[in-house]
Protein backbone atom coordinates (compact mmCIF):
# COMPACT_ATOMS: atom_id res chain seq x y z
CA MET A 1 133.44 97.07 62.33
CA ALA A 2 132.28 98.36 65.57
CA CYS A 3 133.77 96.84 68.89
CA ILE A 4 131.79 93.91 70.30
CA THR A 5 130.18 94.72 73.56
CA VAL A 6 131.34 91.98 76.10
CA PHE A 7 128.70 92.87 78.36
CA THR A 8 125.09 94.07 79.15
CA THR A 9 124.58 96.92 81.54
CA SER A 10 122.66 95.21 84.40
CA VAL A 11 120.83 97.09 86.90
CA ASN A 12 121.94 97.73 90.17
CA ALA A 13 120.94 95.38 92.97
CA GLU A 14 122.19 93.81 96.25
CA ASN A 15 122.41 90.70 95.44
CA LYS A 16 124.73 89.99 92.00
CA THR A 17 125.35 86.16 92.50
CA VAL A 18 125.03 83.78 89.77
CA TYR A 19 124.50 80.25 90.47
CA PHE A 20 125.37 78.28 87.35
CA HIS A 21 124.57 74.35 87.36
CA ALA A 22 126.93 72.77 85.32
CA TRP A 23 128.34 69.34 85.21
CA GLY A 24 131.29 68.91 87.24
CA GLY A 25 133.21 66.07 86.20
CA SER A 26 136.27 67.34 84.24
CA PRO A 27 138.82 69.58 85.90
CA GLN A 28 139.74 71.06 82.67
CA ILE A 29 136.34 72.37 82.56
CA ASN A 30 135.89 73.24 86.30
CA ALA A 31 139.00 75.28 86.05
CA TYR A 32 137.30 77.04 82.44
CA ILE A 33 134.50 78.10 84.75
CA GLU A 34 136.52 79.25 87.40
CA TRP A 35 138.47 81.42 84.93
CA VAL A 36 135.08 82.70 83.70
CA ALA A 37 133.97 83.33 87.28
CA GLU A 38 136.95 85.71 87.86
CA GLN A 39 136.31 87.45 84.42
CA VAL A 40 132.77 88.04 85.25
CA LYS A 41 133.80 89.52 89.15
CA ALA A 42 136.41 91.55 87.43
CA GLN A 43 134.40 93.00 84.64
CA ASN A 44 130.71 92.92 85.89
CA GLY A 45 130.66 92.65 89.91
CA ILE A 46 128.84 89.42 89.59
CA GLU A 47 129.63 86.32 91.81
CA LEU A 48 129.49 83.00 89.71
CA GLU A 49 128.94 80.23 92.03
CA HIS A 50 129.38 76.91 89.82
CA ILE A 51 127.29 74.12 91.37
CA LYS A 52 129.05 70.68 90.13
CA LEU A 53 126.41 68.44 88.66
CA ALA A 54 126.98 64.76 88.02
CA ASN A 55 123.95 64.57 85.83
CA THR A 56 122.28 67.65 84.47
CA SER A 57 118.58 66.35 84.84
CA ASP A 58 119.35 66.69 88.78
CA ALA A 59 119.19 70.40 87.70
CA VAL A 60 115.92 70.18 85.75
CA ASN A 61 114.37 67.82 88.18
CA GLN A 62 114.91 70.71 91.04
CA VAL A 63 113.09 73.28 88.85
CA LEU A 64 110.58 71.05 88.37
CA ALA A 65 109.73 70.51 91.87
CA GLN A 66 110.21 73.55 92.58
CA LYS A 67 107.04 75.02 90.23
CA VAL A 68 105.50 71.90 91.83
CA ALA A 69 105.49 72.96 95.34
CA SER A 70 105.33 76.80 94.47
CA PRO A 71 104.75 77.78 90.66
CA ASN A 72 105.04 81.67 91.53
CA ALA A 73 108.10 81.43 94.44
CA VAL A 74 111.73 82.40 93.42
CA GLY A 75 113.90 79.69 92.29
CA THR A 76 117.60 78.98 93.38
CA ILE A 77 119.12 78.19 89.88
CA ASP A 78 120.17 80.77 87.61
CA LEU A 79 121.60 79.22 84.82
CA ILE A 80 121.97 75.60 83.50
CA TRP A 81 124.49 73.69 81.25
CA LEU A 82 122.46 71.52 78.84
CA ASN A 83 121.37 70.50 75.77
CA GLY A 84 119.16 67.87 73.86
CA GLU A 85 116.94 65.25 76.17
CA ASN A 86 117.13 67.85 79.01
CA PHE A 87 116.19 71.10 76.99
CA ALA A 88 113.18 68.84 75.53
CA SER A 89 112.22 68.21 79.27
CA MET A 90 112.22 71.71 80.62
CA ALA A 91 110.18 72.71 77.23
CA ASP A 92 107.64 70.35 77.46
CA ASN A 93 107.46 70.94 81.35
CA ASP A 94 107.38 75.03 81.03
CA LEU A 95 110.42 75.46 82.38
CA LEU A 96 112.00 77.68 80.24
CA ARG A 97 112.70 81.59 80.59
CA GLU A 98 111.47 82.66 77.25
CA ASN A 99 112.65 84.94 74.33
CA TRP A 100 116.03 85.93 76.21
CA ALA A 101 118.87 84.49 73.99
CA THR A 102 118.54 86.25 70.73
CA SER A 103 118.88 89.71 72.38
CA LEU A 104 122.03 89.19 73.90
CA SER A 105 124.91 91.57 72.14
CA ASN A 106 127.31 88.94 71.07
CA PHE A 107 124.36 86.63 69.76
CA ASN A 108 124.63 87.60 65.99
CA LEU A 109 128.37 86.60 66.09
CA THR A 110 127.00 83.45 65.79
CA ASN A 111 125.44 84.32 62.14
CA PRO A 112 122.38 82.37 62.54
CA GLN A 113 121.41 82.57 59.06
CA GLN A 114 124.39 80.91 58.13
CA ASN A 115 125.02 78.60 61.08
CA PRO A 116 121.20 77.74 61.85
CA ASP A 117 122.59 74.27 64.09
CA VAL A 118 122.82 77.51 66.74
CA LEU A 119 118.50 77.99 66.84
CA TYR A 120 118.17 73.99 67.27
CA ASP A 121 118.58 71.20 70.09
CA PHE A 122 118.77 68.04 68.91
CA GLY A 123 116.50 69.63 65.89
CA VAL A 124 113.91 71.14 68.31
CA PRO A 125 113.35 74.90 67.91
CA THR A 126 115.59 77.03 70.93
CA LEU A 127 113.18 79.79 70.11
CA GLY A 128 115.58 82.20 72.27
CA ARG A 129 115.24 80.00 75.49
CA GLU A 130 118.86 79.17 75.21
CA SER A 131 122.22 80.21 74.36
CA PRO A 132 124.98 78.66 72.47
CA TRP A 133 128.09 77.88 74.06
CA GLY A 134 130.03 75.38 72.27
CA ARG A 135 130.36 72.87 69.93
CA ALA A 136 131.11 69.13 70.21
CA SER A 137 131.60 65.66 68.18
CA LEU A 138 131.52 62.19 69.11
CA ALA A 139 135.35 61.59 68.76
CA PHE A 140 137.37 58.21 69.06
CA TYR A 141 140.85 58.14 70.87
CA TYR A 142 143.48 55.02 71.00
CA ASN A 143 146.42 54.27 71.79
CA GLU A 144 149.29 54.58 69.10
CA LYS A 145 151.61 52.18 70.82
CA HIS A 146 149.25 49.09 70.52
CA LEU A 147 147.27 50.37 67.29
CA ILE A 148 148.49 51.66 64.38
CA GLU A 149 145.34 52.35 62.06
CA PRO A 150 142.56 52.45 64.37
CA PRO A 151 139.18 51.78 62.56
CA LYS A 152 137.38 54.48 60.83
CA THR A 153 134.03 53.70 60.09
CA ALA A 154 131.47 51.32 62.30
CA LEU A 155 131.97 48.79 60.28
CA GLU A 156 135.49 48.67 60.58
CA LEU A 157 135.14 48.98 64.33
CA LEU A 158 132.91 45.60 64.31
CA ALA A 159 135.40 43.79 62.11
CA TRP A 160 138.71 45.70 64.00
CA SER A 161 136.92 43.97 67.35
CA LYS A 162 136.76 40.50 66.26
CA ARG A 163 140.32 40.44 65.47
CA GLN A 164 141.32 41.99 68.59
CA PRO A 165 138.18 40.99 71.18
CA ASN A 166 138.56 42.44 74.68
CA ARG A 167 140.04 45.77 73.25
CA PHE A 168 137.24 47.97 73.00
CA THR A 169 134.02 48.59 74.88
CA TYR A 170 131.49 51.82 75.81
CA PRO A 171 129.91 53.08 78.86
CA HIS A 172 125.85 51.97 79.89
CA ILE A 173 123.65 53.64 77.91
CA ASP A 174 122.63 55.50 81.35
CA ASP A 175 125.84 57.60 80.62
CA PHE A 176 125.79 60.62 78.04
CA ILE A 177 128.39 58.48 76.23
CA GLY A 178 127.34 55.54 75.88
CA MET A 179 124.20 56.61 74.88
CA SER A 180 125.83 58.85 72.11
CA PHE A 181 128.12 55.89 70.73
CA VAL A 182 124.24 54.00 70.55
CA LYS A 183 123.02 56.87 68.61
CA TYR A 184 125.97 57.08 66.20
CA VAL A 185 125.87 53.15 65.39
CA LEU A 186 121.91 53.65 64.91
CA ILE A 187 122.57 56.55 62.03
CA ALA A 188 125.79 54.71 60.42
CA SER A 189 123.45 51.49 60.13
CA VAL A 190 120.68 53.10 58.68
CA LYS A 191 122.83 54.72 56.99
CA ASN A 192 123.51 51.14 55.12
CA ASP A 193 119.80 50.11 54.79
CA PRO A 194 118.50 51.34 51.72
CA SER A 195 115.39 50.29 52.95
CA ILE A 196 114.49 52.51 55.89
CA ASN A 197 113.84 56.34 55.63
CA GLU A 198 116.83 57.99 57.49
CA ALA A 199 113.96 60.85 57.74
CA LEU A 200 112.00 58.91 60.87
CA LEU A 201 115.18 59.45 63.25
CA TYR A 202 114.84 63.13 63.29
CA GLN A 203 111.12 63.26 63.77
CA PRO A 204 109.02 62.61 66.72
CA VAL A 205 109.66 58.57 67.21
CA ASP A 206 106.99 56.39 66.02
CA SER A 207 106.12 53.60 68.20
CA ASP A 208 104.62 51.38 64.98
CA LYS A 209 108.01 51.81 63.24
CA PHE A 210 110.98 51.97 66.11
CA ASP A 211 111.51 48.15 65.87
CA THR A 212 111.79 48.36 61.98
CA VAL A 213 114.09 51.29 62.47
CA THR A 214 116.22 49.88 64.86
CA GLN A 215 116.47 46.32 63.79
CA PRO A 216 120.23 47.08 62.03
CA LEU A 217 121.38 48.48 65.42
CA TRP A 218 120.56 45.62 67.36
CA ALA A 219 121.77 43.31 64.50
CA TYR A 220 125.23 45.46 64.77
CA LEU A 221 125.60 45.33 68.77
CA ASP A 222 124.42 41.46 68.86
CA LYS A 223 127.72 40.85 67.12
CA LEU A 224 130.04 43.34 68.59
CA HIS A 225 129.20 43.20 72.34
CA PRO A 226 130.74 39.65 72.27
CA THR A 227 134.08 40.43 71.13
CA MET A 228 134.46 43.65 73.70
CA TRP A 229 135.94 43.91 76.82
CA ARG A 230 134.49 41.37 79.32
CA LYS A 231 132.58 39.97 76.57
CA GLY A 232 129.98 43.16 76.54
CA ARG A 233 128.49 41.30 79.59
CA PHE A 234 129.55 44.57 81.93
CA PHE A 235 129.57 48.13 80.75
CA VAL A 236 131.31 50.57 82.59
CA ARG A 237 128.91 53.49 84.19
CA ASP A 238 130.78 56.51 83.16
CA ASN A 239 133.31 57.72 80.89
CA GLY A 240 135.90 58.30 83.90
CA TRP A 241 135.87 54.85 84.32
CA LEU A 242 136.17 54.23 80.75
CA LYS A 243 139.59 56.13 80.53
CA ARG A 244 141.03 53.91 83.73
CA ILE A 245 140.68 50.84 82.37
CA PHE A 246 141.96 52.71 78.63
CA ASP A 247 145.11 54.06 81.15
CA ASP A 248 145.44 51.06 82.50
CA GLU A 249 145.80 49.54 78.73
CA GLU A 250 143.13 47.12 79.10
CA ILE A 251 141.54 48.70 76.10
CA LEU A 252 143.08 49.87 73.16
CA LEU A 253 140.23 52.12 71.69
CA ALA A 254 137.77 54.26 73.71
CA LEU A 255 135.23 57.00 72.45
CA THR A 256 134.64 60.71 74.23
CA PHE A 257 132.49 63.85 73.45
CA SER A 258 134.81 66.22 75.02
CA ALA A 259 138.19 65.71 72.67
CA GLY A 260 139.57 68.52 74.28
CA ASN A 261 139.76 66.88 77.58
CA ILE A 262 142.26 64.47 76.19
CA PRO A 263 145.33 66.07 75.80
CA ALA A 264 145.05 67.39 79.41
CA SER A 265 144.60 64.08 80.55
CA VAL A 266 147.64 63.08 78.94
CA ASP A 267 149.77 66.17 80.44
CA ARG A 268 148.21 65.11 84.04
CA PHE A 269 149.30 61.14 83.11
CA ALA A 270 145.83 60.45 83.32
CA LEU A 271 145.97 58.77 79.61
CA PRO A 272 149.17 57.58 77.68
CA VAL A 273 151.56 59.82 75.82
CA THR A 274 150.58 57.86 73.00
CA THR A 275 146.87 58.26 73.12
CA ARG A 276 145.59 59.76 69.77
CA THR A 277 142.45 60.87 69.01
CA TYR A 278 140.19 61.32 65.94
CA THR A 279 136.72 61.32 64.60
CA MET A 280 135.15 58.56 62.59
CA GLN A 281 135.12 58.75 58.46
CA ASP A 282 131.45 57.68 58.03
CA GLY A 283 130.26 60.53 60.41
CA SER A 284 130.51 62.20 64.00
CA LEU A 285 127.70 62.37 66.27
CA SER A 286 127.94 66.45 66.90
CA ASN A 287 125.94 69.23 68.21
CA VAL A 288 125.96 72.28 69.70
CA HIS A 289 125.40 72.59 73.72
CA PHE A 290 123.61 75.71 75.45
CA VAL A 291 122.86 77.49 78.40
CA THR A 292 119.77 78.35 79.72
CA ILE A 293 117.85 80.50 82.27
CA PRO A 294 114.99 78.65 83.98
CA PHE A 295 111.35 80.35 84.20
CA ASN A 296 112.13 81.34 88.03
CA ALA A 297 115.24 82.25 88.23
CA PRO A 298 116.25 84.47 90.95
CA ASN A 299 118.40 86.50 89.13
CA PRO A 300 117.98 86.06 85.53
CA GLN A 301 119.14 89.49 84.17
CA TYR A 302 122.98 88.67 85.45
CA ALA A 303 122.52 85.68 84.22
CA LYS A 304 122.00 86.95 81.13
CA ASP A 305 125.09 88.63 81.46
CA VAL A 306 127.26 85.76 81.94
CA ALA A 307 125.47 83.75 79.17
CA ASN A 308 126.51 87.06 76.93
CA PHE A 309 130.42 86.89 78.22
CA LEU A 310 130.39 83.48 77.45
CA LEU A 311 129.46 83.98 73.80
CA SER A 312 132.40 86.85 73.66
CA PRO A 313 135.17 86.72 71.59
CA ILE A 314 137.56 86.22 74.45
CA ALA A 315 135.71 83.72 76.28
CA GLN A 316 135.34 81.63 73.37
CA ALA A 317 138.89 82.13 72.18
CA GLU A 318 140.19 81.32 75.65
CA LYS A 319 137.76 78.06 75.54
CA LEU A 320 139.53 76.92 72.18
CA LYS A 321 142.51 76.23 73.61
CA PRO A 322 143.58 72.90 73.73
CA THR A 323 145.15 73.48 77.39
CA ILE A 324 142.36 75.23 78.51
CA TRP A 325 138.84 72.76 77.24
CA GLY A 326 139.35 72.32 73.44
CA ASP A 327 135.82 73.56 72.87
CA ALA A 328 135.04 74.32 69.47
CA THR A 329 133.79 77.76 69.13
CA VAL A 330 130.05 78.62 68.13
CA LEU A 331 130.84 82.38 66.55
CA ASP A 332 131.25 82.76 63.46
CA VAL A 333 135.36 83.67 63.41
CA SER A 334 135.15 85.94 60.21
CA ARG A 335 132.28 88.60 61.49
CA LEU A 336 134.58 89.49 64.08
CA PRO A 337 136.92 92.67 63.59
CA PRO A 338 141.24 91.79 63.21
CA GLU A 339 141.72 92.35 66.57
CA GLN A 340 139.09 89.87 67.75
CA MET A 341 139.60 87.57 65.25
CA GLN A 342 143.79 86.87 66.13
CA TYR A 343 142.39 85.41 69.72
CA PHE A 344 141.55 82.48 67.21
CA GLY A 345 144.75 82.27 65.76
CA ASN A 346 146.66 79.06 65.48
CA HIS A 347 147.01 77.04 68.69
CA GLN A 348 150.15 74.75 69.07
CA THR A 349 149.05 71.27 68.07
CA HIS A 350 149.29 68.50 71.29
CA PRO A 351 150.09 65.26 69.85
CA SER A 352 146.86 63.71 71.04
CA ALA A 353 144.52 66.44 70.08
CA LEU A 354 141.98 66.29 67.70
CA ASP A 355 142.95 67.55 64.29
CA LEU A 356 140.70 70.70 64.18
CA THR A 357 141.89 71.25 60.08
CA ARG A 358 140.46 68.07 59.12
CA LYS A 359 136.88 68.66 58.29
CA ILE A 360 134.46 66.41 60.34
CA LEU A 361 131.20 64.70 58.88
CA ALA A 362 128.48 65.81 60.91
CA LEU A 363 126.08 63.58 62.08
CA LYS A 364 122.75 65.02 63.06
CA GLU A 365 121.25 64.08 66.65
CA PRO A 366 118.19 62.32 66.38
CA HIS A 367 114.82 63.72 67.90
CA PRO A 368 115.21 63.54 71.75
CA SER A 369 111.76 61.27 71.91
CA TRP A 370 114.31 58.77 70.44
CA ILE A 371 116.33 58.53 73.68
CA GLY A 372 113.67 56.73 76.03
CA PRO A 373 112.64 54.13 73.99
CA LEU A 374 116.30 53.14 72.66
CA LYS A 375 117.42 53.16 76.52
CA SER A 376 114.16 50.64 76.97
CA ALA A 377 114.91 48.41 74.58
CA TRP A 378 118.72 48.49 74.40
CA LYS A 379 118.39 47.70 78.70
CA SER A 380 116.20 44.77 77.83
CA ARG A 381 118.55 43.28 75.15
CA TYR A 382 121.76 44.06 77.28
CA GLU A 383 121.54 45.00 80.91
CA SER A 384 122.59 42.29 83.27
CA ASP A 385 120.38 41.13 85.88
């Protein structure tokens, strides 16, 4: 097989800065992006500036505000790390650069014919408007010092929390992890109720059927919340707070969408050495995360070069290492030549790392139109005044 091109050739231009707006809440991910910046600087002369976000919607709102103020002006954002709800919002408001991602020289390494999930974001066709970057699944982690056999399904979690009250919680639904837990329970609850058509979750939300479809979810949470940390009357606001109360052993079970961050957190003494990670047997909410170029990006060609490097075997393999990020690759490794396939060889397994040799039962994300109604309904039921 011919060698894979890592970069496209960009036209000469004076300004080769790419402003990459990406979540900045993980030291591990931030360090990886710094490594990417070093690589694109050395190989293509691009200055990659990581603009650290607390919430991806901040970048989306910035692009929208620029379009409203001056639709034909050049913007300030070249590349955004996003998925799901934010992609749908940008698509609905015509904020995305069209038809660029599938032309990247490394895109075919994802083997989209056999891996169609790289062409959909929360069930919405990407249509070449964003490039896949990695795969993530909702994972749980527990303290093996105090919990030998963690619950393996949503129903087991409820039963365990009743036996061990105050030892589990999840973040507020405004947090990505909190919303992910609610969606996981929703899917699991619907699967356990044969009277409900599961396919409705993957279609635009029908307000007339919303109450019927979500009834098993609210019944489950009504039982779970009184058994949780602080009796479910207070919810931590973010993943960092959740980690802190886990580290303090206030809770024994927590969850994350960044399982690869757990070993590094243990190594820097932010989590107990007895932390172990796993996925639920009744399924793990899973998705592909992407990078996109806004319609008014100041340097779209160089943004494409960066996106193409993010898809290169060397960059995907580096990101996969448990000590770096542990984020699963979107490439079909079987399509690589032997010299690049070896990048993905066995890495030494960290005791706290998710076992990547075990098959994960992936649960597809519901259609993004479900997110707003779920948030509103959850808040009306459970948010304290």
